[in-house]
PDB file of N, CA and C in Angstrom:
ATOM      1  N   MET A   1     -62.049  35.245  13.455  1.00  0.00           N
ATOM      2  CA  MET A   1     -60.871  34.526  13.870  1.00  0.00           C
ATOM      3  C   MET A   1     -59.644  35.004  13.086  1.00  0.00           C
ATOM      4  N   THR A   2     -59.831  35.345  11.839  1.00  0.00           N
ATOM      5  CA  THR A   2     -58.719  35.823  11.022  1.00  0.00           C
ATOM      6  C   THR A   2     -58.111  37.086  11.624  1.00  0.00           C
ATOM      7  N   GLU A   3     -58.958  37.965  12.115  1.00  0.00           N
ATOM      8  CA  GLU A   3     -58.469  39.204  12.732  1.00  0.00           C
ATOM      9  C   GLU A   3     -57.657  38.899  13.990  1.00  0.00           C
ATOM     10  N   ALA A   4     -58.113  37.944  14.778  1.00  0.00           N
ATOM     11  CA  ALA A   4     -57.386  37.574  15.995  1.00  0.00           C
ATOM     12  C   ALA A   4     -56.015  36.986  15.649  1.00  0.00           C
ATOM     13  N   ALA A   5     -55.953  36.177  14.605  1.00  0.00           N
ATOM     14  CA  ALA A   5     -54.668  35.616  14.173  1.00  0.00           C
ATOM     15  C   ALA A   5     -53.736  36.715  13.691  1.00  0.00           C
ATOM     16  N   LYS A   6     -54.294  37.691  12.993  1.00  0.00           N
ATOM     17  CA  LYS A   6     -53.487  38.823  12.524  1.00  0.00           C
ATOM     18  C   LYS A   6     -52.944  39.618  13.705  1.00  0.00           C
ATOM     19  N   GLU A   7     -53.727  39.744  14.768  1.00  0.00           N
ATOM     20  CA  GLU A   7     -53.258  40.459  15.950  1.00  0.00           C
ATOM     21  C   GLU A   7     -52.064  39.758  16.597  1.00  0.00           C
ATOM     22  N   VAL A   8     -52.040  38.436  16.553  1.00  0.00           N
ATOM     23  CA  VAL A   8     -50.885  37.695  17.075  1.00  0.00           C
ATOM     24  C   VAL A   8     -49.644  38.029  16.247  1.00  0.00           C
ATOM     25  N   LEU A   9     -49.798  37.994  14.939  1.00  0.00           N
ATOM     26  CA  LEU A   9     -48.656  38.307  14.063  1.00  0.00           C
ATOM     27  C   LEU A   9     -48.200  39.750  14.249  1.00  0.00           C
ATOM     28  N   ASP A  10     -49.151  40.667  14.377  1.00  0.00           N
ATOM     29  CA  ASP A  10     -48.802  42.074  14.599  1.00  0.00           C
ATOM     30  C   ASP A  10     -48.076  42.261  15.930  1.00  0.00           C
ATOM     31  N   ALA A  11     -48.523  41.538  16.958  1.00  0.00           N
ATOM     32  CA  ALA A  11     -47.858  41.633  18.261  1.00  0.00           C
ATOM     33  C   ALA A  11     -46.423  41.109  18.165  1.00  0.00           C
ATOM     34  N   ARG A  12     -46.218  40.032  17.426  1.00  0.00           N
ATOM     35  CA  ARG A  12     -44.854  39.520  17.235  1.00  0.00           C
ATOM     36  C   ARG A  12     -43.985  40.536  16.513  1.00  0.00           C
ATOM     37  N   ASP A  13     -44.577  41.189  15.505  1.00  0.00           N
ATOM     38  CA  ASP A  13     -43.816  42.161  14.712  1.00  0.00           C
ATOM     39  C   ASP A  13     -43.338  43.352  15.528  1.00  0.00           C
ATOM     40  N   GLN A  14     -43.957  43.589  16.679  1.00  0.00           N
ATOM     41  CA  GLN A  14     -43.530  44.700  17.541  1.00  0.00           C
ATOM     42  C   GLN A  14     -42.172  44.428  18.189  1.00  0.00           C
ATOM     43  N   PHE A  15     -41.718  43.184  18.109  1.00  0.00           N
ATOM     44  CA  PHE A  15     -40.484  42.785  18.775  1.00  0.00           C
ATOM     45  C   PHE A  15     -39.551  42.053  17.808  1.00  0.00           C
ATOM     46  N   PRO A  16     -39.104  42.746  16.748  1.00  0.00           N
ATOM     47  CA  PRO A  16     -38.289  42.072  15.730  1.00  0.00           C
ATOM     48  C   PRO A  16     -36.934  41.584  16.256  1.00  0.00           C
ATOM     49  N   GLU A  17     -36.500  42.137  17.370  1.00  0.00           N
ATOM     50  CA  GLU A  17     -35.197  41.730  17.924  1.00  0.00           C
ATOM     51  C   GLU A  17     -35.274  40.400  18.668  1.00  0.00           C
ATOM     52  N   TYR A  18     -36.488  39.901  18.926  1.00  0.00           N
ATOM     53  CA  TYR A  18     -36.657  38.647  19.660  1.00  0.00           C
ATOM     54  C   TYR A  18     -36.943  37.486  18.704  1.00  0.00           C
ATOM     55  N   ASN A  19     -36.360  36.340  19.021  1.00  0.00           N
ATOM     56  CA  ASN A  19     -36.714  35.139  18.262  1.00  0.00           C
ATOM     57  C   ASN A  19     -37.938  34.490  18.924  1.00  0.00           C
ATOM     58  N   LEU A  20     -38.477  33.442  18.306  1.00  0.00           N
ATOM     59  CA  LEU A  20     -39.687  32.806  18.836  1.00  0.00           C
ATOM     60  C   LEU A  20     -39.466  32.210  20.228  1.00  0.00           C
ATOM     61  N   ALA A  21     -38.285  31.671  20.473  1.00  0.00           N
ATOM     62  CA  ALA A  21     -38.001  31.094  21.786  1.00  0.00           C
ATOM     63  C   ALA A  21     -38.113  32.159  22.868  1.00  0.00           C
ATOM     64  N   THR A  22     -37.632  33.340  22.594  1.00  0.00           N
ATOM     65  CA  THR A  22     -37.706  34.431  23.562  1.00  0.00           C
ATOM     66  C   THR A  22     -39.136  34.936  23.686  1.00  0.00           C
ATOM     67  N   LEU A  23     -39.807  35.106  22.551  1.00  0.00           N
ATOM     68  CA  LEU A  23     -41.186  35.610  22.586  1.00  0.00           C
ATOM     69  C   LEU A  23     -42.114  34.704  23.381  1.00  0.00           C
ATOM     70  N   TYR A  24     -41.861  33.395  23.330  1.00  0.00           N
ATOM     71  CA  TYR A  24     -42.749  32.451  23.986  1.00  0.00           C
ATOM     72  C   TYR A  24     -42.175  31.872  25.285  1.00  0.00           C
ATOM     73  N   ASP A  25     -41.108  32.458  25.772  1.00  0.00           N
ATOM     74  CA  ASP A  25     -40.594  32.095  27.094  1.00  0.00           C
ATOM     75  C   ASP A  25     -41.616  32.572  28.127  1.00  0.00           C
ATOM     76  N   PRO A  26     -42.140  31.669  28.961  1.00  0.00           N
ATOM     77  CA  PRO A  26     -43.186  32.067  29.918  1.00  0.00           C
ATOM     78  C   PRO A  26     -42.793  33.239  30.811  1.00  0.00           C
ATOM     79  N   LEU A  27     -41.501  33.430  31.028  1.00  0.00           N
ATOM     80  CA  LEU A  27     -41.055  34.534  31.881  1.00  0.00           C
ATOM     81  C   LEU A  27     -40.787  35.817  31.104  1.00  0.00           C
ATOM     82  N   ALA A  28     -40.823  35.733  29.774  1.00  0.00           N
ATOM     83  CA  ALA A  28     -40.454  36.901  28.977  1.00  0.00           C
ATOM     84  C   ALA A  28     -41.478  37.298  27.921  1.00  0.00           C
ATOM     85  N   THR A  29     -42.565  36.563  27.786  1.00  0.00           N
ATOM     86  CA  THR A  29     -43.557  36.872  26.756  1.00  0.00           C
ATOM     87  C   THR A  29     -44.122  38.275  26.972  1.00  0.00           C
ATOM     88  N   PRO A  30     -44.062  39.112  25.949  1.00  0.00           N
ATOM     89  CA  PRO A  30     -44.618  40.458  26.085  1.00  0.00           C
ATOM     90  C   PRO A  30     -46.125  40.398  26.336  1.00  0.00           C
ATOM     91  N   PRO A  31     -46.644  41.286  27.188  1.00  0.00           N
ATOM     92  CA  PRO A  31     -48.081  41.286  27.491  1.00  0.00           C
ATOM     93  C   PRO A  31     -48.953  41.425  26.248  1.00  0.00           C
ATOM     94  N   GLU A  32     -48.500  42.204  25.263  1.00  0.00           N
ATOM     95  CA  GLU A  32     -49.277  42.377  24.031  1.00  0.00           C
ATOM     96  C   GLU A  32     -49.485  41.042  23.321  1.00  0.00           C
ATOM     97  N   LEU A  33     -48.439  40.236  23.308  1.00  0.00           N
ATOM     98  CA  LEU A  33     -48.522  38.929  22.648  1.00  0.00           C
ATOM     99  C   LEU A  33     -49.411  37.974  23.448  1.00  0.00           C
ATOM    100  N   SER A  34     -49.308  38.010  24.753  1.00  0.00           N
ATOM    101  CA  SER A  34     -50.177  37.165  25.591  1.00  0.00           C
ATOM    102  C   SER A  34     -51.642  37.514  25.384  1.00  0.00           C
ATOM    103  N   ARG A  35     -51.949  38.809  25.348  1.00  0.00           N
ATOM    104  CA  ARG A  35     -53.340  39.235  25.139  1.00  0.00           C
ATOM    105  C   ARG A  35     -53.840  38.799  23.764  1.00  0.00           C
ATOM    106  N   ALA A  36     -53.007  38.966  22.748  1.00  0.00           N
ATOM    107  CA  ALA A  36     -53.408  38.576  21.390  1.00  0.00           C
ATOM    108  C   ALA A  36     -53.668  37.074  21.322  1.00  0.00           C
ATOM    109  N   HIS A  37     -52.824  36.271  21.966  1.00  0.00           N
ATOM    110  CA  HIS A  37     -53.030  34.820  21.966  1.00  0.00           C
ATOM    111  C   HIS A  37     -54.287  34.433  22.734  1.00  0.00           C
ATOM    112  N   SER A  38     -54.565  35.106  23.818  1.00  0.00           N
ATOM    113  CA  SER A  38     -55.784  34.817  24.583  1.00  0.00           C
ATOM    114  C   SER A  38     -57.019  35.082  23.734  1.00  0.00           C
ATOM    115  N   LYS A  39     -56.985  36.173  22.990  1.00  0.00           N
ATOM    116  CA  LYS A  39     -58.110  36.498  22.106  1.00  0.00           C
ATOM    117  C   LYS A  39     -58.265  35.430  21.018  1.00  0.00           C
ATOM    118  N   LEU A  40     -57.161  35.002  20.452  1.00  0.00           N
ATOM    119  CA  LEU A  40     -57.196  33.962  19.416  1.00  0.00           C
ATOM    120  C   LEU A  40     -57.695  32.641  19.998  1.00  0.00           C
ATOM    121  N   ASP A  41     -57.230  32.296  21.195  1.00  0.00           N
ATOM    122  CA  ASP A  41     -57.701  31.067  21.841  1.00  0.00           C
ATOM    123  C   ASP A  41     -59.216  31.084  22.007  1.00  0.00           C
ATOM    124  N   ARG A  42     -59.756  32.210  22.455  1.00  0.00           N
ATOM    125  CA  ARG A  42     -61.214  32.295  22.631  1.00  0.00           C
ATOM    126  C   ARG A  42     -61.939  32.140  21.299  1.00  0.00           C
ATOM    127  N   ALA A  43     -61.402  32.730  20.245  1.00  0.00           N
ATOM    128  CA  ALA A  43     -62.028  32.627  18.924  1.00  0.00           C
ATOM    129  C   ALA A  43     -62.008  31.187  18.424  1.00  0.00           C
ATOM    130  N   VAL A  44     -60.876  30.515  18.592  1.00  0.00           N
ATOM    131  CA  VAL A  44     -60.765  29.116  18.157  1.00  0.00           C
ATOM    132  C   VAL A  44     -61.680  28.229  18.996  1.00  0.00           C
ATOM    133  N   ASP A  45     -61.709  28.471  20.311  1.00  0.00           N
ATOM    134  CA  ASP A  45     -62.566  27.674  21.191  1.00  0.00           C
ATOM    135  C   ASP A  45     -64.018  27.729  20.750  1.00  0.00           C
ATOM    136  N   GLN A  46     -64.476  28.886  20.318  1.00  0.00           N
ATOM    137  CA  GLN A  46     -65.869  29.036  19.890  1.00  0.00           C
ATOM    138  C   GLN A  46     -66.181  28.207  18.650  1.00  0.00           C
ATOM    139  N   CYS A  47     -65.158  27.831  17.906  1.00  0.00           N
ATOM    140  CA  CYS A  47     -65.374  26.968  16.741  1.00  0.00           C
ATOM    141  C   CYS A  47     -65.739  25.546  17.164  1.00  0.00           C
ATOM    142  N   TYR A  48     -65.356  25.166  18.376  1.00  0.00           N
ATOM    143  CA  TYR A  48     -65.541  23.792  18.824  1.00  0.00           C
ATOM    144  C   TYR A  48     -66.668  23.602  19.811  1.00  0.00           C
ATOM    145  N   ARG A  49     -67.059  24.644  20.556  1.00  0.00           N
ATOM    146  CA  ARG A  49     -68.161  24.513  21.498  1.00  0.00           C
ATOM    147  C   ARG A  49     -68.569  25.877  22.038  1.00  0.00           C
ATOM    148  N   GLN A  50     -69.757  25.944  22.590  1.00  0.00           N
ATOM    149  CA  GLN A  50     -70.321  27.210  23.052  1.00  0.00           C
ATOM    150  C   GLN A  50     -69.635  27.740  24.309  1.00  0.00           C
ATOM    151  N   GLN A  51     -69.446  26.884  25.316  1.00  0.00           N
ATOM    152  CA  GLN A  51     -68.850  27.356  26.554  1.00  0.00           C
ATOM    153  C   GLN A  51     -67.329  27.319  26.455  1.00  0.00           C
ATOM    154  N   PRO A  52     -66.653  28.253  27.101  1.00  0.00           N
ATOM    155  CA  PRO A  52     -65.185  28.271  27.013  1.00  0.00           C
ATOM    156  C   PRO A  52     -64.566  27.090  27.763  1.00  0.00           C
ATOM    157  N   PHE A  53     -63.395  26.704  27.349  1.00  0.00           N
ATOM    158  CA  PHE A  53     -62.654  25.661  28.052  1.00  0.00           C
ATOM    159  C   PHE A  53     -62.115  26.241  29.354  1.00  0.00           C
ATOM    160  N   LEU A  54     -61.990  25.406  30.348  1.00  0.00           N
ATOM    161  CA  LEU A  54     -61.503  25.860  31.650  1.00  0.00           C
ATOM    162  C   LEU A  54     -59.984  25.985  31.683  1.00  0.00           C
ATOM    163  N   GLY A  55     -59.327  25.394  30.699  1.00  0.00           N
ATOM    164  CA  GLY A  55     -57.870  25.479  30.636  1.00  0.00           C
ATOM    165  C   GLY A  55     -57.335  24.697  29.461  1.00  0.00           C
ATOM    166  N   ASP A  56     -56.021  24.738  29.329  1.00  0.00           N
ATOM    167  CA  ASP A  56     -55.376  24.055  28.208  1.00  0.00           C
ATOM    168  C   ASP A  56     -55.625  22.547  28.240  1.00  0.00           C
ATOM    169  N   ARG A  57     -55.599  21.962  29.421  1.00  0.00           N
ATOM    170  CA  ARG A  57     -55.799  20.513  29.509  1.00  0.00           C
ATOM    171  C   ARG A  57     -57.175  20.115  28.974  1.00  0.00           C
ATOM    172  N   GLN A  58     -58.199  20.847  29.370  1.00  0.00           N
ATOM    173  CA  GLN A  58     -59.550  20.544  28.904  1.00  0.00           C
ATOM    174  C   GLN A  58     -59.648  20.730  27.393  1.00  0.00           C
ATOM    175  N   ARG A  59     -59.007  21.758  26.868  1.00  0.00           N
ATOM    176  CA  ARG A  59     -59.003  22.017  25.424  1.00  0.00           C
ATOM    177  C   ARG A  59     -58.340  20.859  24.680  1.00  0.00           C
ATOM    178  N   VAL A  60     -57.170  20.433  25.153  1.00  0.00           N
ATOM    179  CA  VAL A  60     -56.428  19.357  24.488  1.00  0.00           C
ATOM    180  C   VAL A  60     -57.203  18.042  24.557  1.00  0.00           C
ATOM    181  N   GLU A  61     -57.794  17.741  25.708  1.00  0.00           N
ATOM    182  CA  GLU A  61     -58.590  16.518  25.829  1.00  0.00           C
ATOM    183  C   GLU A  61     -59.761  16.523  24.847  1.00  0.00           C
ATOM    184  N   HIS A  62     -60.409  17.664  24.713  1.00  0.00           N
ATOM    185  CA  HIS A  62     -61.543  17.773  23.793  1.00  0.00           C
ATOM    186  C   HIS A  62     -61.084  17.576  22.345  1.00  0.00           C
ATOM    187  N   LEU A  63     -59.994  18.228  21.978  1.00  0.00           N
ATOM    188  CA  LEU A  63     -59.495  18.124  20.605  1.00  0.00           C
ATOM    189  C   LEU A  63     -59.017  16.706  20.283  1.00  0.00           C
ATOM    190  N   PHE A  64     -58.353  16.048  21.235  1.00  0.00           N
ATOM    191  CA  PHE A  64     -57.933  14.662  20.996  1.00  0.00           C
ATOM    192  C   PHE A  64     -59.130  13.736  20.884  1.00  0.00           C
ATOM    193  N   SER A  65     -60.178  14.004  21.634  1.00  0.00           N
ATOM    194  CA  SER A  65     -61.394  13.207  21.530  1.00  0.00           C
ATOM    195  C   SER A  65     -61.999  13.339  20.132  1.00  0.00           C
ATOM    196  N   LEU A  66     -62.046  14.563  19.621  1.00  0.00           N
ATOM    197  CA  LEU A  66     -62.560  14.770  18.259  1.00  0.00           C
ATOM    198  C   LEU A  66     -61.681  14.062  17.233  1.00  0.00           C
ATOM    199  N   TYR A  67     -60.385  14.165  17.411  1.00  0.00           N
ATOM    200  CA  TYR A  67     -59.435  13.510  16.510  1.00  0.00           C
ATOM    201  C   TYR A  67     -59.640  11.993  16.523  1.00  0.00           C
ATOM    202  N   GLN A  68     -59.803  11.440  17.721  1.00  0.00           N
ATOM    203  CA  GLN A  68     -59.999  10.001  17.848  1.00  0.00           C
ATOM    204  C   GLN A  68     -61.276   9.555  17.140  1.00  0.00           C
ATOM    205  N   GLN A  69     -62.333  10.341  17.226  1.00  0.00           N
ATOM    206  CA  GLN A  69     -63.586  10.003  16.555  1.00  0.00           C
ATOM    207  C   GLN A  69     -63.409   9.962  15.041  1.00  0.00           C
ATOM    208  N   ILE A  70     -62.551  10.794  14.526  1.00  0.00           N
ATOM    209  CA  ILE A  70     -62.322  10.843  13.083  1.00  0.00           C
ATOM    210  C   ILE A  70     -61.399   9.704  12.639  1.00  0.00           C
ATOM    211  N   VAL A  71     -60.368   9.438  13.405  1.00  0.00           N
ATOM    212  CA  VAL A  71     -59.332   8.498  12.991  1.00  0.00           C
ATOM    213  C   VAL A  71     -59.699   7.044  13.269  1.00  0.00           C
ATOM    214  N   GLU A  72     -60.379   6.790  14.364  1.00  0.00           N
ATOM    215  CA  GLU A  72     -60.659   5.416  14.762  1.00  0.00           C
ATOM    216  C   GLU A  72     -61.321   4.570  13.664  1.00  0.00           C
ATOM    217  N   PRO A  73     -62.326   5.071  12.958  1.00  0.00           N
ATOM    218  CA  PRO A  73     -62.924   4.248  11.899  1.00  0.00           C
ATOM    219  C   PRO A  73     -61.957   3.927  10.758  1.00  0.00           C
ATOM    220  N   LEU A  74     -60.918   4.704  10.608  1.00  0.00           N
ATOM    221  CA  LEU A  74     -59.959   4.471   9.529  1.00  0.00           C
ATOM    222  C   LEU A  74     -58.921   3.418   9.875  1.00  0.00           C
ATOM    223  N   LEU A  75     -58.701   3.161  11.143  1.00  0.00           N
ATOM    224  CA  LEU A  75     -57.624   2.267  11.560  1.00  0.00           C
ATOM    225  C   LEU A  75     -57.740   0.855  11.003  1.00  0.00           C
ATOM    226  N   PRO A  76     -58.893   0.195  11.045  1.00  0.00           N
ATOM    227  CA  PRO A  76     -58.952  -1.157  10.458  1.00  0.00           C
ATOM    228  C   PRO A  76     -58.590  -1.161   8.973  1.00  0.00           C
ATOM    229  N   ALA A  77     -58.995  -0.153   8.244  1.00  0.00           N
ATOM    230  CA  ALA A  77     -58.673  -0.091   6.817  1.00  0.00           C
ATOM    231  C   ALA A  77     -57.175   0.081   6.609  1.00  0.00           C
ATOM    232  N   ILE A  78     -56.542   0.869   7.436  1.00  0.00           N
ATOM    233  CA  ILE A  78     -55.100   1.084   7.319  1.00  0.00           C
ATOM    234  C   ILE A  78     -54.354  -0.193   7.676  1.00  0.00           C
ATOM    235  N   ARG A  79     -54.752  -0.838   8.760  1.00  0.00           N
ATOM    236  CA  ARG A  79     -54.085  -2.081   9.182  1.00  0.00           C
ATOM    237  C   ARG A  79     -54.253  -3.186   8.139  1.00  0.00           C
ATOM    238  N   GLY A  80     -55.407  -3.233   7.504  1.00  0.00           N
ATOM    239  CA  GLY A  80     -55.670  -4.271   6.518  1.00  0.00           C
ATOM    240  C   GLY A  80     -54.894  -4.099   5.232  1.00  0.00           C
ATOM    241  N   ARG A  81     -54.424  -2.887   4.963  1.00  0.00           N
ATOM    242  CA  ARG A  81     -53.715  -2.627   3.706  1.00  0.00           C
ATOM    243  C   ARG A  81     -52.222  -2.895   3.804  1.00  0.00           C
ATOM    244  N   ARG A  82     -51.703  -3.102   4.989  1.00  0.00           N
ATOM    245  CA  ARG A  82     -50.260  -3.363   5.131  1.00  0.00           C
ATOM    246  C   ARG A  82     -49.906  -4.722   4.561  1.00  0.00           C
ATOM    247  N   ARG A  83     -48.789  -4.742   3.875  1.00  0.00           N
ATOM    248  CA  ARG A  83     -48.317  -6.012   3.312  1.00  0.00           C
ATOM    249  C   ARG A  83     -47.083  -6.453   4.058  1.00  0.00           C
ATOM    250  N   ARG A  84     -46.929  -7.748   4.154  1.00  0.00           N
ATOM    251  CA  ARG A  84     -45.754  -8.303   4.808  1.00  0.00           C
ATOM    252  C   ARG A  84     -44.588  -8.342   3.826  1.00  0.00           C
ATOM    253  N   LEU A  85     -43.441  -8.023   4.339  1.00  0.00           N
ATOM    254  CA  LEU A  85     -42.228  -8.093   3.521  1.00  0.00           C
ATOM    255  C   LEU A  85     -41.623  -9.491   3.663  1.00  0.00           C
ATOM    256  N   GLY A  86     -41.032  -9.969   2.585  1.00  0.00           N
ATOM    257  CA  GLY A  86     -40.285 -11.207   2.691  1.00  0.00           C
ATOM    258  C   GLY A  86     -40.951 -12.310   2.110  1.00  0.00           C
TER     259      GLY A  86
END
């Protein structure tokens, strides 16, 4: 995964005249950068499950589900620690 992340940075470095807004404009993103990001996405996806995600929506839903599983048990403890002012 580290190599894939480095490829994204290297692809960005090929276009020093562009700012991030231009590099990530859906109509202007250089193909090299799109390919590097696709490779990184696949590497990150493999960290979370065996089969690839069908799209960004499925990826985000899965990640939020994992986040909710981690955070939900903490919520009662956080709510119980709040003190009232006044």
